[in-house]
Amino acid sequence: MEFGRRPEPGRRLAGIGFVVLFHVALIYALVSGLARKAIEVLPAPIETKILQEIKSQEAPPPPPPPTFEPPPPTFVPPPEIVIQQPPPPPAAVTTVVPKNPPAAVPKNPSPVAPVINARRSCREPEYPPSSQRLGEKGTVTLAFLIGIDGKVAESRVEGTSGFPRLDEAARAALSRCKFVPGTVNGVATPAWAKIKYVWKIPGSN
């Protein structure tokens, strides 16, 4: 071999051109193949349409059949039947006469007015000192409601002596007296009794 000899320029240019053509062919093949493959891989465009929802128009249900109420039955009054019955036989009247007839009650009962019981002490009213000092005197008429127990249930002044102090002293004292109750046909009954009391200054006429 000859180390010091240079290659020819023609061969060198031919080798470079071959390499360049090889690379160009390779690049073209790659580019054309990938492009075709990409075109094949891409899916076809999808067509979309907006479909309007069609609402089904359902027919309304038929109305219910009308109901007819039967007319009320005609009222027919029952016939009036009157049966005449024979009159009852007259009842026998029996008169019973009691052996001991009750005592006849008088039509106008006689009431008995109550009175002061003499068996019980009834203190005389005390003269009020101020009335005695002033010389007050007079007659007072008192009314008492006597119960069936003989006690005074209510009292009032029927006629004044002219001095309220003397009237009240007489009413208070005589209200504590015990009475015999009034009676009607022997039965004790509440009744009113009237009493007059005369106030006199001791030692005066």
Protein backbone atom coordinates (compact mmCIF):
# COMPACT_ATOMS: atom_id res chain seq x y z
CA MET A 1 0.00 0.00 0.00
CA GLU A 2 0.94 3.49 -0.68
CA PHE A 3 0.28 5.75 2.34
CA GLY A 4 1.41 8.93 0.88
CA ARG A 5 -1.03 8.81 -2.18
CA ARG A 6 -4.17 10.97 -2.14
CA PRO A 7 -7.53 9.60 -3.49
CA GLU A 8 -8.89 10.93 -6.67
CA PRO A 9 -11.31 13.85 -6.51
CA GLY A 10 -13.96 12.19 -8.72
CA ARG A 11 -14.39 9.24 -6.46
CA ARG A 12 -14.61 11.46 -3.45
CA LEU A 13 -17.42 13.55 -4.98
CA ALA A 14 -19.29 10.41 -6.06
CA GLY A 15 -19.25 9.03 -2.50
CA ILE A 16 -20.52 12.29 -1.05
CA GLY A 17 -23.32 12.49 -3.59
CA PHE A 18 -24.37 8.95 -2.88
CA VAL A 19 -24.59 9.66 0.82
CA VAL A 20 -26.62 12.79 0.21
CA LEU A 21 -29.05 10.97 -2.09
CA PHE A 22 -29.44 8.20 0.46
CA HIS A 23 -30.37 10.61 3.19
CA VAL A 24 -32.78 12.50 0.91
CA ALA A 25 -34.50 9.25 -0.07
CA LEU A 26 -34.69 8.16 3.53
CA ILE A 27 -36.18 11.47 4.67
CA TYR A 28 -38.68 11.43 1.82
CA ALA A 29 -39.74 7.92 2.65
CA LEU A 30 -40.18 8.75 6.26
CA VAL A 31 -42.11 11.92 5.57
CA SER A 32 -44.42 10.44 2.95
CA GLY A 33 -45.08 7.29 5.00
CA LEU A 34 -45.86 9.10 8.25
CA ALA A 35 -48.10 11.59 6.48
CA ARG A 36 -50.11 8.82 4.82
CA LYS A 37 -50.35 6.96 8.06
CA ALA A 38 -51.47 10.09 9.89
CA ILE A 39 -54.13 10.66 7.27
CA GLU A 40 -55.31 7.09 7.65
CA VAL A 41 -55.29 7.27 11.44
CA LEU A 42 -57.35 10.46 11.64
CA PRO A 43 -61.05 9.48 11.85
CA ALA A 44 -63.60 10.88 9.51
CA PRO A 45 -65.47 13.98 10.79
CA ILE A 46 -68.55 13.22 12.83
CA GLU A 47 -71.72 14.86 11.72
CA THR A 48 -73.93 16.06 14.56
CA LYS A 49 -77.52 17.15 14.26
CA ILE A 50 -79.73 18.77 16.92
CA LEU A 51 -82.81 16.71 17.19
CA GLN A 52 -85.77 18.45 18.72
CA GLU A 53 -87.58 16.39 21.26
CA ILE A 54 -90.97 15.61 20.00
CA LYS A 55 -93.36 15.56 22.89
CA SER A 56 -96.03 13.08 22.51
CA GLN A 57 -99.38 14.73 22.95
CA GLU A 58 -101.36 12.30 24.97
CA ALA A 59 -105.06 12.65 24.75
CA PRO A 60 -106.72 13.63 28.11
CA PRO A 61 -108.58 10.83 29.85
CA PRO A 62 -112.27 10.77 29.11
CA PRO A 63 -114.49 12.33 31.81
CA PRO A 64 -116.17 9.92 34.20
CA PRO A 65 -119.71 9.00 33.30
CA PRO A 66 -122.34 11.12 35.10
CA THR A 67 -123.97 9.56 38.09
CA PHE A 68 -127.70 9.79 38.42
CA GLU A 69 -129.26 9.63 41.90
CA PRO A 70 -132.53 7.79 42.00
CA PRO A 71 -135.47 10.05 42.89
CA PRO A 72 -136.78 9.75 46.48
CA PRO A 73 -139.70 7.41 46.89
CA THR A 74 -143.06 9.03 46.87
CA PHE A 75 -144.46 9.35 50.39
CA VAL A 76 -147.85 7.82 50.66
CA PRO A 77 -149.50 8.58 54.00
CA PRO A 78 -150.98 5.53 55.65
CA PRO A 79 -154.75 5.48 55.84
CA GLU A 80 -156.24 6.60 59.11
CA ILE A 81 -158.16 3.82 60.75
CA VAL A 82 -160.37 4.79 63.64
CA ILE A 83 -161.73 1.95 65.70
CA GLN A 84 -164.59 2.91 67.89
CA GLN A 85 -164.41 1.14 71.22
CA PRO A 86 -167.43 0.69 73.41
CA PRO A 87 -167.52 3.00 76.41
CA PRO A 88 -166.19 1.43 79.63
CA PRO A 89 -168.77 0.29 82.13
CA PRO A 90 -169.43 2.72 84.96
CA ALA A 91 -167.19 2.09 87.92
CA ALA A 92 -168.80 1.10 91.14
CA VAL A 93 -168.62 3.89 93.69
CA THR A 94 -167.97 2.67 97.20
CA THR A 95 -168.32 5.12 100.05
CA VAL A 96 -166.05 4.38 103.00
CA VAL A 97 -167.01 6.05 106.23
CA PRO A 98 -164.10 6.24 108.70
CA LYS A 99 -164.77 5.12 112.19
CA ASN A 100 -162.94 8.06 113.76
CA PRO A 101 -163.11 11.04 111.37
CA PRO A 102 -160.31 13.61 111.85
CA ALA A 103 -161.11 16.81 113.62
CA ALA A 104 -162.13 19.59 111.34
CA VAL A 105 -159.46 22.21 110.82
CA PRO A 106 -160.83 25.69 111.39
CA LYS A 107 -160.88 27.82 108.29
CA ASN A 108 -159.54 30.87 110.11
CA PRO A 109 -156.76 29.75 112.46
CA SER A 110 -156.31 31.91 115.50
CA PRO A 111 -152.65 32.85 115.96
CA VAL A 112 -151.26 33.51 119.43
CA ALA A 113 -148.78 36.36 119.74
CA PRO A 114 -145.53 35.76 121.62
CA VAL A 115 -145.17 37.17 125.13
CA ILE A 116 -142.33 37.60 127.62
CA ASN A 117 -141.77 34.43 129.58
CA ALA A 118 -142.61 35.29 133.19
CA ARG A 119 -140.67 32.30 134.49
CA ARG A 120 -137.42 33.74 133.23
CA SER A 121 -135.95 36.98 134.54
CA CYS A 122 -135.86 39.89 132.14
CA ARG A 123 -133.61 42.63 133.40
CA GLU A 124 -134.94 46.17 133.21
CA PRO A 125 -132.93 48.51 130.96
CA GLU A 126 -130.40 50.64 132.79
CA TYR A 127 -130.83 54.38 132.58
CA PRO A 128 -127.89 55.89 130.74
CA PRO A 129 -126.09 58.21 133.23
CA SER A 130 -125.69 60.99 130.69
CA SER A 131 -129.42 60.83 129.80
CA GLN A 132 -130.37 60.88 133.49
CA ARG A 133 -128.05 63.83 134.10
CA LEU A 134 -129.55 65.75 131.18
CA GLY A 135 -133.11 64.85 132.20
CA GLU A 136 -133.93 62.85 129.04
CA LYS A 137 -137.13 60.80 129.26
CA GLY A 138 -139.89 59.43 127.02
CA THR A 139 -141.62 56.32 125.72
CA VAL A 140 -140.05 54.04 123.09
CA THR A 141 -141.95 51.39 121.10
CA LEU A 142 -139.88 48.34 120.10
CA ALA A 143 -140.67 45.46 117.73
CA PHE A 144 -139.06 42.00 118.17
CA LEU A 145 -139.11 38.97 115.87
CA ILE A 146 -139.42 35.96 118.18
CA GLY A 147 -138.27 32.60 116.86
CA ILE A 148 -139.75 29.22 117.71
CA ASP A 149 -137.07 28.85 120.41
CA GLY A 150 -138.32 32.01 122.19
CA LYS A 151 -135.19 34.04 121.40
CA VAL A 152 -135.11 37.42 119.67
CA ALA A 153 -134.01 37.00 116.07
CA GLU A 154 -134.42 40.62 115.00
CA SER A 155 -135.39 43.93 116.61
CA ARG A 156 -136.13 47.48 115.53
CA VAL A 157 -137.43 50.79 116.93
CA GLU A 158 -141.06 51.41 115.95
CA GLY A 159 -141.56 54.65 117.90
CA THR A 160 -138.77 56.81 119.31
CA SER A 161 -138.66 58.38 122.73
CA GLY A 162 -137.07 61.43 121.21
CA PHE A 163 -133.59 60.46 122.34
CA PRO A 164 -131.60 57.90 120.34
CA ARG A 165 -129.51 57.05 123.40
CA LEU A 166 -132.62 55.92 125.33
CA ASP A 167 -134.01 54.02 122.29
CA GLU A 168 -130.82 52.00 121.84
CA ALA A 169 -130.49 51.24 125.58
CA ALA A 170 -134.06 49.86 125.70
CA ARG A 171 -133.63 47.82 122.51
CA ALA A 172 -130.34 46.28 123.67
CA ALA A 173 -131.70 45.32 127.10
CA LEU A 174 -135.05 43.87 125.99
CA SER A 175 -133.41 41.89 123.14
CA ARG A 176 -131.86 39.64 125.81
CA CYS A 177 -135.26 38.66 127.28
CA LYS A 178 -136.73 35.19 126.84
CA PHE A 179 -140.18 34.99 125.20
CA VAL A 180 -142.89 32.40 124.80
CA PRO A 181 -143.06 31.88 121.00
CA GLY A 182 -146.25 32.59 119.13
CA THR A 183 -148.36 29.71 117.86
CA VAL A 184 -150.79 28.99 115.05
CA ASN A 185 -153.18 26.14 115.85
CA GLY A 186 -150.88 25.09 118.64
CA VAL A 187 -147.75 25.00 116.46
CA ALA A 188 -144.86 27.35 117.38
CA THR A 189 -144.32 29.90 114.62
CA PRO A 190 -141.94 32.88 114.32
CA ALA A 191 -143.88 36.08 114.96
CA TRP A 192 -143.38 39.77 115.74
CA ALA A 193 -144.14 41.25 119.18
CA LYS A 194 -144.30 44.92 120.21
CA ILE A 195 -143.24 46.32 123.57
CA LYS A 196 -143.50 49.86 124.94
CA TYR A 197 -141.00 50.99 127.49
CA VAL A 198 -141.32 54.27 129.44
CA TRP A 199 -138.18 56.05 130.56
CA LYS A 200 -138.70 58.00 133.82
CA ILE A 201 -136.08 59.76 135.87
CA PRO A 202 -136.00 58.18 139.32
CA GLY A 203 -137.67 60.42 141.94
CA SER A 204 -139.71 62.38 139.36
CA ASN A 205 -143.46 62.20 138.99
